[in-house]
Amino acid sequence: MAKENTLINALIGAAVTVVLSFTGVSPLLGGAAAGYLQANGPGDGARVGAISGIVASLPLILVLALFAGALPFAPIEFAALGVVAILFVVVFAVGFTAALSAAGGYIGGYLEAEY
């Protein structure tokens, strides 16, 4: 892949993350794939890995948006608790996925630079 195709490499890494989601380390593997394909060293590998993790989190956000659609039909106390819970899950999941993907991207970029 070309070194300057950051978005393409991030999308490939996100696809790897989603396909390997049955493993516990899929963000790490997807980020490593994106960082390796970026072929610009560990720094750029970590950047494209983080982008890959954010893109890979979009399906989770869409599923949680479906649950948010049911909140107007709940009593106000449960709706408020639901909004807080959904926001917490989204922030935690996206942060966790982006951090692991960035670490994988760093490793992938390092491996590409060394070997």
C-alpha atoms as a PDB file:
ATOM      1  CA  MET A   1       0.000   0.000   0.000  1.00  0.00           C
ATOM      2  CA  ALA A   2       1.044   3.553  -0.487  1.00  0.00           C
ATOM      3  CA  LYS A   3       2.411   5.373   2.502  1.00  0.00           C
ATOM      4  CA  GLU A   4       0.015   8.275   2.121  1.00  0.00           C
ATOM      5  CA  ASN A   5      -3.240   6.295   2.020  1.00  0.00           C
ATOM      6  CA  THR A   6      -4.002   6.834   5.694  1.00  0.00           C
ATOM      7  CA  LEU A   7      -7.762   6.525   5.335  1.00  0.00           C
ATOM      8  CA  ILE A   8      -7.546   3.365   3.215  1.00  0.00           C
ATOM      9  CA  ASN A   9      -5.104   1.789   5.671  1.00  0.00           C
ATOM     10  CA  ALA A  10      -7.343   2.763   8.597  1.00  0.00           C
ATOM     11  CA  LEU A  11     -10.372   1.230   6.875  1.00  0.00           C
ATOM     12  CA  ILE A  12      -8.455  -1.997   6.231  1.00  0.00           C
ATOM     13  CA  GLY A  13      -7.384  -2.061   9.880  1.00  0.00           C
ATOM     14  CA  ALA A  14     -10.986  -1.466  10.982  1.00  0.00           C
ATOM     15  CA  ALA A  15     -12.143  -4.321   8.754  1.00  0.00           C
ATOM     16  CA  VAL A  16      -9.524  -6.602  10.319  1.00  0.00           C
ATOM     17  CA  THR A  17     -10.731  -5.525  13.762  1.00  0.00           C
ATOM     18  CA  VAL A  18     -14.361  -6.311  12.938  1.00  0.00           C
ATOM     19  CA  VAL A  19     -13.581  -9.640  11.235  1.00  0.00           C
ATOM     20  CA  LEU A  20     -11.409 -10.779  14.148  1.00  0.00           C
ATOM     21  CA  SER A  21     -13.822  -9.497  16.790  1.00  0.00           C
ATOM     22  CA  PHE A  22     -14.245 -13.024  18.161  1.00  0.00           C
ATOM     23  CA  THR A  23     -10.704 -12.770  19.533  1.00  0.00           C
ATOM     24  CA  GLY A  24      -9.941 -10.712  22.587  1.00  0.00           C
ATOM     25  CA  VAL A  25      -7.228  -8.720  20.893  1.00  0.00           C
ATOM     26  CA  SER A  26      -8.915  -7.724  17.647  1.00  0.00           C
ATOM     27  CA  PRO A  27      -8.224  -3.963  18.053  1.00  0.00           C
ATOM     28  CA  LEU A  28      -4.552  -4.745  18.575  1.00  0.00           C
ATOM     29  CA  LEU A  29      -4.439  -6.909  15.440  1.00  0.00           C
ATOM     30  CA  GLY A  30      -6.404  -4.415  13.344  1.00  0.00           C
ATOM     31  CA  GLY A  31      -4.193  -1.562  14.469  1.00  0.00           C
ATOM     32  CA  ALA A  32      -1.095  -3.629  13.707  1.00  0.00           C
ATOM     33  CA  ALA A  33      -2.377  -4.309  10.195  1.00  0.00           C
ATOM     34  CA  ALA A  34      -3.076  -0.617   9.634  1.00  0.00           C
ATOM     35  CA  GLY A  35       0.292   0.447  11.061  1.00  0.00           C
ATOM     36  CA  TYR A  36       2.148  -2.101   8.968  1.00  0.00           C
ATOM     37  CA  LEU A  37       0.370  -0.998   5.797  1.00  0.00           C
ATOM     38  CA  GLN A  38       1.079   2.665   6.563  1.00  0.00           C
ATOM     39  CA  ALA A  39       4.819   1.910   6.252  1.00  0.00           C
ATOM     40  CA  ASN A  40       5.922   5.199   7.822  1.00  0.00           C
ATOM     41  CA  GLY A  41       7.388   4.080  11.137  1.00  0.00           C
ATOM     42  CA  PRO A  42       5.899   3.627  14.598  1.00  0.00           C
ATOM     43  CA  GLY A  43       4.615   7.193  15.044  1.00  0.00           C
ATOM     44  CA  ASP A  44       2.461   7.205  11.939  1.00  0.00           C
ATOM     45  CA  GLY A  45       1.543   3.587  12.628  1.00  0.00           C
ATOM     46  CA  ALA A  46       0.106   4.562  15.998  1.00  0.00           C
ATOM     47  CA  ARG A  47      -1.827   7.432  14.416  1.00  0.00           C
ATOM     48  CA  VAL A  48      -3.385   5.302  11.691  1.00  0.00           C
ATOM     49  CA  GLY A  49      -4.039   2.559  14.259  1.00  0.00           C
ATOM     50  CA  ALA A  50      -5.983   4.974  16.455  1.00  0.00           C
ATOM     51  CA  ILE A  51      -8.026   6.124  13.461  1.00  0.00           C
ATOM     52  CA  SER A  52      -8.666   2.469  12.661  1.00  0.00           C
ATOM     53  CA  GLY A  53      -9.931   1.867  16.198  1.00  0.00           C
ATOM     54  CA  ILE A  54     -12.308   4.814  16.035  1.00  0.00           C
ATOM     55  CA  VAL A  55     -13.689   3.628  12.696  1.00  0.00           C
ATOM     56  CA  ALA A  56     -14.053   0.081  14.047  1.00  0.00           C
ATOM     57  CA  SER A  57     -16.118   1.456  16.957  1.00  0.00           C
ATOM     58  CA  LEU A  58     -18.828   2.816  14.654  1.00  0.00           C
ATOM     59  CA  PRO A  59     -20.908  -0.421  14.642  1.00  0.00           C
ATOM     60  CA  LEU A  60     -21.072  -0.318  18.451  1.00  0.00           C
ATOM     61  CA  ILE A  61     -22.202   3.288  18.372  1.00  0.00           C
ATOM     62  CA  LEU A  62     -24.925   2.434  15.856  1.00  0.00           C
ATOM     63  CA  VAL A  63     -26.206  -0.452  17.996  1.00  0.00           C
ATOM     64  CA  LEU A  64     -26.315   1.764  21.075  1.00  0.00           C
ATOM     65  CA  ALA A  65     -28.186   4.391  19.061  1.00  0.00           C
ATOM     66  CA  LEU A  66     -30.955   1.813  18.604  1.00  0.00           C
ATOM     67  CA  PHE A  67     -31.235   1.483  22.374  1.00  0.00           C
ATOM     68  CA  ALA A  68     -31.285   5.257  22.700  1.00  0.00           C
ATOM     69  CA  GLY A  69     -34.312   5.277  20.412  1.00  0.00           C
ATOM     70  CA  ALA A  70     -36.305   3.489  23.115  1.00  0.00           C
ATOM     71  CA  LEU A  71     -35.471   6.029  25.826  1.00  0.00           C
ATOM     72  CA  PRO A  72     -38.356   8.453  25.109  1.00  0.00           C
ATOM     73  CA  PHE A  73     -40.800   5.687  26.050  1.00  0.00           C
ATOM     74  CA  ALA A  74     -39.260   5.082  29.475  1.00  0.00           C
ATOM     75  CA  PRO A  75     -39.989   7.031  32.661  1.00  0.00           C
ATOM     76  CA  ILE A  76     -37.746  10.079  33.003  1.00  0.00           C
ATOM     77  CA  GLU A  77     -35.621   8.553  35.778  1.00  0.00           C
ATOM     78  CA  PHE A  78     -34.819   5.474  33.713  1.00  0.00           C
ATOM     79  CA  ALA A  79     -34.277   7.553  30.591  1.00  0.00           C
ATOM     80  CA  ALA A  80     -31.738   9.771  32.363  1.00  0.00           C
ATOM     81  CA  LEU A  81     -29.939   6.724  33.726  1.00  0.00           C
ATOM     82  CA  GLY A  82     -30.022   5.166  30.262  1.00  0.00           C
ATOM     83  CA  VAL A  83     -28.473   8.234  28.650  1.00  0.00           C
ATOM     84  CA  VAL A  84     -25.668   8.284  31.219  1.00  0.00           C
ATOM     85  CA  ALA A  85     -25.071   4.547  30.800  1.00  0.00           C
ATOM     86  CA  ILE A  86     -24.993   4.768  27.005  1.00  0.00           C
ATOM     87  CA  LEU A  87     -22.583   7.721  27.067  1.00  0.00           C
ATOM     88  CA  PHE A  88     -20.325   5.913  29.527  1.00  0.00           C
ATOM     89  CA  VAL A  89     -20.267   2.759  27.409  1.00  0.00           C
ATOM     90  CA  VAL A  90     -19.566   4.706  24.208  1.00  0.00           C
ATOM     91  CA  VAL A  91     -16.716   6.736  25.719  1.00  0.00           C
ATOM     92  CA  PHE A  92     -15.164   3.685  27.387  1.00  0.00           C
ATOM     93  CA  ALA A  93     -15.493   1.394  24.369  1.00  0.00           C
ATOM     94  CA  VAL A  94     -14.215   3.926  21.839  1.00  0.00           C
ATOM     95  CA  GLY A  95     -11.320   4.915  24.103  1.00  0.00           C
ATOM     96  CA  PHE A  96     -10.408   1.299  24.816  1.00  0.00           C
ATOM     97  CA  THR A  97     -10.586   0.322  21.149  1.00  0.00           C
ATOM     98  CA  ALA A  98      -8.649   3.380  19.970  1.00  0.00           C
ATOM     99  CA  ALA A  99      -5.933   2.874  22.602  1.00  0.00           C
ATOM    100  CA  LEU A 100      -5.445  -0.799  21.756  1.00  0.00           C
ATOM    101  CA  SER A 101      -5.493  -0.024  18.046  1.00  0.00           C
ATOM    102  CA  ALA A 102      -2.903   2.722  18.513  1.00  0.00           C
ATOM    103  CA  ALA A 103      -0.678   0.285  20.405  1.00  0.00           C
ATOM    104  CA  GLY A 104      -1.116  -2.248  17.621  1.00  0.00           C
ATOM    105  CA  GLY A 105      -0.385   0.427  15.036  1.00  0.00           C
ATOM    106  CA  TYR A 106       2.821   1.318  16.843  1.00  0.00           C
ATOM    107  CA  ILE A 107       3.868  -2.336  16.830  1.00  0.00           C
ATOM    108  CA  GLY A 108       2.914  -2.742  13.166  1.00  0.00           C
ATOM    109  CA  GLY A 109       4.822   0.388  12.189  1.00  0.00           C
ATOM    110  CA  TYR A 110       7.838  -0.765  14.165  1.00  0.00           C
ATOM    111  CA  LEU A 111       7.791  -4.206  12.548  1.00  0.00           C
ATOM    112  CA  GLU A 112       7.504  -2.692   9.080  1.00  0.00           C
ATOM    113  CA  ALA A 113      10.400  -0.307   9.733  1.00  0.00           C
ATOM    114  CA  GLU A 114      12.667  -2.993  11.191  1.00  0.00           C
ATOM    115  CA  TYR A 115      11.946  -5.864   8.835  1.00  0.00           C
END
